[in-house]
Amino acid sequence: MSTIGRRHVMRAALAGGAVAAGVARGGAGAVAAAGPALPDVPGMLGDRRANEFWYRFDEATFYRIAPELRTAYEAIARHLGDDYEASFYETWRTLRGSAGYPENFTAHVAPIRAPLAVLSRAQLDVAHRCYRHDTRGLADAFGYFGQGVLYDPRRKSRIHTMGGDPPGGYHTWYVFMRAMMLLDIDRLRWSVLAPMNAFAWAAQTVARPHQQEANPPLPASTVRRLERRWLPRPVRRLDHDFRSFPYPPGTAPRPEAAPEGTAP
């Protein structure tokens, strides 16, 4: 499927067996990671494990797709339509504003439960290999992603971040997360991931990173403020937040616009 890119919808289900408590910095749920050995990559900038996580996720979901996952992508596209990266969000947004939500949205995605389960397994495997149950490390990886501080020379597009200025992909991520949760596909893991996705959305809104060049990190105080605001949020609150487009409610971008990169 040519519409499925590494900066688009299929980077959503990543939580890898995490639990909701203790995700915020210093919380009791943070557990030391026991991930893979990571060889040096000359020229790489930013957190090494986070770079590896996004690199491996790209490999599994875009560059080296397993036959089962490719079939799942095709089934999802048949049901939702070729332009679903935009239309799926708009469908969810409309249904979210109706009295029949969430039952109406659940019925809409029920026919693709099986391919969504395949997708979930593929993505959760990457997170498990890189972070095990390290919720703190995984949340940090999303923060680095949003800030655009992960420079990986192994890719033609050097920066691991969401494409677009403003990036709309976070919204589609969230809609897939909600579909997973409502269909009871790794529901707890998705409910942990959803606020991390919102945190990355807010961080990228504020940072407006370049997408081909190394970016400076946001001030630590700004990152902590965004963590405190977004990581504890329950899904019901995020349902409200993600109806805001393109920016999170109450979060404004920096005045200077970063040039938009070209995602592969």
Protein backbone atom coordinates (compact mmCIF):
# COMPACT_ATOMS: atom_id res chain seq x y z
CA MET A 1 0.00 0.00 0.00
CA SER A 2 1.68 3.16 -1.16
CA THR A 3 -0.37 5.30 1.22
CA ILE A 4 1.14 3.65 4.28
CA GLY A 5 4.34 5.54 5.15
CA ARG A 6 6.65 5.43 8.08
CA ARG A 7 5.50 8.83 9.33
CA HIS A 8 1.80 8.04 9.04
CA VAL A 9 -0.88 6.01 10.71
CA MET A 10 0.72 2.70 11.42
CA ARG A 11 3.10 3.84 14.17
CA ALA A 12 0.38 3.78 16.76
CA ALA A 13 0.30 0.59 18.86
CA LEU A 14 3.65 0.56 20.63
CA ALA A 15 3.15 0.21 24.34
CA GLY A 16 4.45 -3.36 24.68
CA GLY A 17 2.73 -4.54 27.86
CA ALA A 18 3.04 -1.29 29.82
CA VAL A 19 0.73 -0.36 32.67
CA ALA A 20 -0.91 3.03 33.00
CA ALA A 21 0.33 3.94 36.47
CA GLY A 22 3.65 5.71 36.85
CA VAL A 23 4.23 6.87 33.27
CA ALA A 24 4.92 10.46 34.30
CA ARG A 25 8.55 11.22 35.11
CA GLY A 26 9.75 9.60 38.27
CA GLY A 27 6.58 7.50 38.68
CA ALA A 28 6.59 4.14 40.35
CA GLY A 29 5.76 2.34 37.11
CA ALA A 30 9.10 3.14 35.46
CA VAL A 31 11.11 -0.07 35.01
CA ALA A 32 14.65 -0.44 33.71
CA ALA A 33 14.78 -1.55 30.10
CA ALA A 34 16.45 -4.77 29.07
CA GLY A 35 16.44 -4.20 25.35
CA PRO A 36 18.79 -5.35 22.60
CA ALA A 37 22.48 -4.57 22.37
CA LEU A 38 22.89 -1.43 20.28
CA PRO A 39 25.99 -1.02 18.12
CA ASP A 40 27.39 2.44 17.51
CA VAL A 41 26.06 4.27 14.45
CA PRO A 42 28.51 6.97 13.28
CA GLY A 43 26.82 10.34 12.99
CA MET A 44 23.74 9.41 15.00
CA LEU A 45 22.43 12.09 17.37
CA GLY A 46 19.95 11.81 20.20
CA ASP A 47 18.96 8.95 22.46
CA ARG A 48 20.37 5.71 21.09
CA ARG A 49 17.56 3.39 22.12
CA ALA A 50 14.85 5.76 20.92
CA ASN A 51 16.56 6.01 17.53
CA GLU A 52 16.68 2.22 17.35
CA PHE A 53 13.06 1.91 18.34
CA TRP A 54 11.80 4.18 15.55
CA TYR A 55 14.25 2.63 13.06
CA ARG A 56 13.05 -0.89 13.82
CA PHE A 57 9.46 0.24 13.73
CA ASP A 58 10.04 1.65 10.24
CA GLU A 59 11.58 -1.64 9.19
CA ALA A 60 8.68 -3.72 10.47
CA THR A 61 5.83 -1.52 9.24
CA PHE A 62 7.13 -0.01 6.00
CA TYR A 63 10.45 -1.20 4.61
CA ARG A 64 10.34 -4.94 5.38
CA ILE A 65 6.67 -5.74 5.81
CA ALA A 66 5.83 -9.36 6.61
CA PRO A 67 3.33 -10.97 4.21
CA GLU A 68 0.67 -11.24 6.94
CA LEU A 69 0.94 -7.53 7.70
CA ARG A 70 0.82 -6.57 4.04
CA THR A 71 -2.41 -8.54 3.70
CA ALA A 72 -3.77 -6.76 6.78
CA TYR A 73 -2.92 -3.34 5.29
CA GLU A 74 -4.78 -4.27 2.13
CA ALA A 75 -7.85 -5.36 4.07
CA ILE A 76 -7.86 -2.12 6.07
CA ALA A 77 -7.62 -0.06 2.89
CA ARG A 78 -10.43 -1.99 1.22
CA HIS A 79 -12.74 -1.25 4.14
CA LEU A 80 -11.77 2.36 4.84
CA GLY A 81 -10.92 3.52 1.32
CA ASP A 82 -7.69 4.59 -0.35
CA ASP A 83 -7.74 8.07 1.19
CA TYR A 84 -8.42 6.84 4.68
CA GLU A 85 -5.54 8.68 6.37
CA ALA A 86 -7.68 11.82 6.17
CA SER A 87 -11.18 10.39 5.90
CA PHE A 88 -10.85 7.97 8.83
CA TYR A 89 -10.13 10.84 11.19
CA GLU A 90 -13.03 12.88 9.83
CA THR A 91 -15.37 9.90 10.22
CA TRP A 92 -14.27 9.41 13.82
CA ARG A 93 -14.57 13.15 14.53
CA THR A 94 -18.14 13.21 13.22
CA LEU A 95 -19.16 10.09 15.12
CA ARG A 96 -17.44 11.34 18.29
CA GLY A 97 -19.74 14.37 18.22
CA SER A 98 -22.89 12.26 18.02
CA ALA A 99 -25.07 10.71 20.71
CA GLY A 100 -24.31 7.21 19.43
CA TYR A 101 -20.57 7.30 20.20
CA PRO A 102 -18.67 5.05 20.86
CA GLU A 103 -21.03 2.32 19.70
CA ASN A 104 -21.36 3.79 16.19
CA PHE A 105 -17.59 4.01 15.72
CA THR A 106 -17.12 0.50 17.09
CA ALA A 107 -19.58 -0.80 14.52
CA HIS A 108 -17.71 1.09 11.80
CA VAL A 109 -14.40 -0.65 12.54
CA ALA A 110 -15.72 -4.06 13.59
CA PRO A 111 -15.31 -5.55 10.06
CA ILE A 112 -11.53 -4.96 10.22
CA ARG A 113 -10.94 -6.39 13.68
CA ALA A 114 -8.82 -9.27 12.35
CA PRO A 115 -6.39 -7.14 10.29
CA LEU A 116 -6.16 -4.63 13.13
CA ALA A 117 -5.15 -7.47 15.45
CA VAL A 118 -2.38 -8.42 13.02
CA LEU A 119 -1.20 -4.83 12.95
CA SER A 120 -1.24 -4.63 16.72
CA ARG A 121 0.89 -7.76 17.12
CA ALA A 122 3.46 -6.51 14.63
CA GLN A 123 3.83 -3.14 16.32
CA LEU A 124 3.79 -4.37 19.90
CA ASP A 125 6.61 -6.75 19.07
CA VAL A 126 8.90 -3.84 18.17
CA ALA A 127 8.15 -2.03 21.42
CA HIS A 128 8.66 -5.18 23.44
CA ARG A 129 12.05 -5.82 21.88
CA CYS A 130 13.25 -2.27 22.52
CA TYR A 131 11.57 -1.30 25.81
CA ARG A 132 10.07 -4.38 27.46
CA HIS A 133 7.97 -2.83 30.27
CA ASP A 134 9.92 0.44 30.48
CA THR A 135 7.03 2.90 30.29
CA ARG A 136 9.26 5.83 31.21
CA GLY A 137 11.68 5.09 28.39
CA LEU A 138 8.87 4.65 25.90
CA ALA A 139 7.29 7.96 26.89
CA ASP A 140 10.69 9.64 26.48
CA ALA A 141 11.00 8.11 23.01
CA PHE A 142 7.73 9.77 22.03
CA GLY A 143 8.92 13.08 23.45
CA TYR A 144 12.16 12.88 21.46
CA PHE A 145 10.14 11.99 18.37
CA GLY A 146 7.93 15.06 18.75
CA GLN A 147 10.88 17.37 19.33
CA GLY A 148 12.73 16.06 16.27
CA VAL A 149 15.98 15.42 18.14
CA LEU A 150 16.53 11.88 16.83
CA TYR A 151 18.98 12.11 13.92
CA ASP A 152 19.50 8.73 12.27
CA PRO A 153 21.89 8.59 9.28
CA ARG A 154 20.64 5.12 8.35
CA ARG A 155 17.62 6.72 6.70
CA LYS A 156 17.41 9.09 3.74
CA SER A 157 14.98 11.13 5.83
CA ARG A 158 17.32 11.66 8.75
CA ILE A 159 14.98 12.82 11.50
CA HIS A 160 12.57 10.48 13.26
CA THR A 161 9.52 12.73 13.63
CA MET A 162 6.04 13.21 12.15
CA GLY A 163 5.94 14.63 8.62
CA GLY A 164 4.09 17.83 7.83
CA ASP A 165 3.86 21.32 9.26
CA PRO A 166 1.48 21.10 11.00
CA PRO A 167 1.61 17.30 11.27
CA GLY A 168 -1.81 15.69 10.96
CA GLY A 169 -0.67 12.12 11.49
CA TYR A 170 -1.05 12.20 15.27
CA HIS A 171 -4.80 12.46 14.80
CA THR A 172 -4.95 9.39 12.61
CA TRP A 173 -2.73 7.54 15.09
CA TYR A 174 -5.25 8.28 17.76
CA VAL A 175 -8.22 7.08 15.71
CA PHE A 176 -6.51 3.74 15.13
CA MET A 177 -5.77 3.55 18.85
CA ARG A 178 -9.42 4.10 19.68
CA ALA A 179 -10.44 1.45 17.18
CA MET A 180 -8.07 -1.00 18.86
CA MET A 181 -9.32 -0.18 22.34
CA LEU A 182 -13.00 -0.34 21.45
CA LEU A 183 -12.50 -3.68 19.73
CA ASP A 184 -10.59 -4.95 22.80
CA ILE A 185 -7.36 -5.51 20.87
CA ASP A 186 -4.54 -5.01 23.40
CA ARG A 187 -6.82 -2.44 25.00
CA LEU A 188 -4.66 -1.66 28.04
CA ARG A 189 -1.54 -1.17 25.95
CA TRP A 190 -3.33 1.21 23.62
CA SER A 191 -4.73 3.17 26.55
CA VAL A 192 -1.19 3.69 27.81
CA LEU A 193 0.09 4.70 24.40
CA ALA A 194 -2.66 7.22 23.66
CA PRO A 195 -1.39 9.93 26.06
CA MET A 196 2.17 9.36 24.81
CA ASN A 197 0.94 10.09 21.31
CA ALA A 198 -0.72 13.26 22.61
CA PHE A 199 2.50 14.24 24.38
CA ALA A 200 4.46 13.86 21.13
CA TRP A 201 1.80 15.90 19.30
CA ALA A 202 2.11 18.71 21.83
CA ALA A 203 5.93 18.58 21.80
CA GLN A 204 6.05 18.82 18.01
CA THR A 205 3.50 21.64 18.04
CA VAL A 206 5.76 23.67 20.31
CA ALA A 207 9.10 22.65 18.78
CA ARG A 208 8.19 22.78 15.05
CA PRO A 209 11.32 20.79 14.19
CA HIS A 210 13.17 20.71 10.89
CA GLN A 211 12.68 17.33 9.31
CA GLN A 212 16.01 16.90 7.55
CA GLU A 213 18.36 18.57 10.05
CA ALA A 214 19.31 17.97 13.68
CA ASN A 215 17.15 20.01 16.05
CA PRO A 216 17.94 21.41 19.48
CA PRO A 217 15.78 19.98 22.27
CA LEU A 218 13.08 22.01 23.93
CA PRO A 219 14.00 23.45 27.33
CA ALA A 220 13.75 20.80 30.02
CA SER A 221 11.17 22.87 31.87
CA THR A 222 8.96 22.95 28.77
CA VAL A 223 9.21 19.19 28.32
CA ARG A 224 8.31 18.60 31.98
CA ARG A 225 5.32 20.91 31.66
CA LEU A 226 4.08 19.01 28.60
CA GLU A 227 4.62 15.67 30.34
CA ARG A 228 2.65 16.76 33.38
CA ARG A 229 -0.16 17.98 31.21
CA TRP A 230 -0.49 15.10 28.74
CA LEU A 231 0.87 11.83 30.11
CA PRO A 232 -1.71 11.40 32.90
CA ARG A 233 -4.73 12.06 30.64
CA PRO A 234 -7.41 9.37 30.41
CA VAL A 235 -8.78 8.31 27.07
CA ARG A 236 -12.12 10.05 27.62
CA ARG A 237 -10.28 13.36 27.89
CA LEU A 238 -8.17 12.58 24.83
CA ASP A 239 -11.34 11.89 22.87
CA HIS A 240 -12.14 15.55 23.44
CA ASP A 241 -8.59 16.80 22.81
CA PHE A 242 -8.14 15.07 19.46
CA ARG A 243 -11.21 16.74 18.04
CA SER A 244 -9.00 19.85 18.01
CA PHE A 245 -7.16 20.22 14.71
CA PRO A 246 -4.35 20.79 13.92
CA TYR A 247 -2.99 21.82 17.32
CA PRO A 248 -3.74 20.53 20.82
CA PRO A 249 -6.20 22.70 22.75
CA GLY A 250 -4.33 25.34 24.72
CA THR A 251 -0.96 24.58 23.08
CA ALA A 252 0.38 27.10 20.57
CA PRO A 253 3.26 26.56 18.11
CA ARG A 254 6.34 28.73 18.21
CA PRO A 255 6.06 31.70 15.83
CA GLU A 256 8.88 30.63 13.53
CA ALA A 257 7.89 27.93 11.05
CA ALA A 258 10.28 25.11 10.30
CA PRO A 259 10.54 24.06 6.66
CA GLU A 260 8.58 20.95 5.85
CA GLY A 261 10.61 17.87 5.02
CA THR A 262 9.78 15.20 2.51
CA ALA A 263 8.87 11.88 4.04
CA PRO A 264 9.74 8.77 2.06
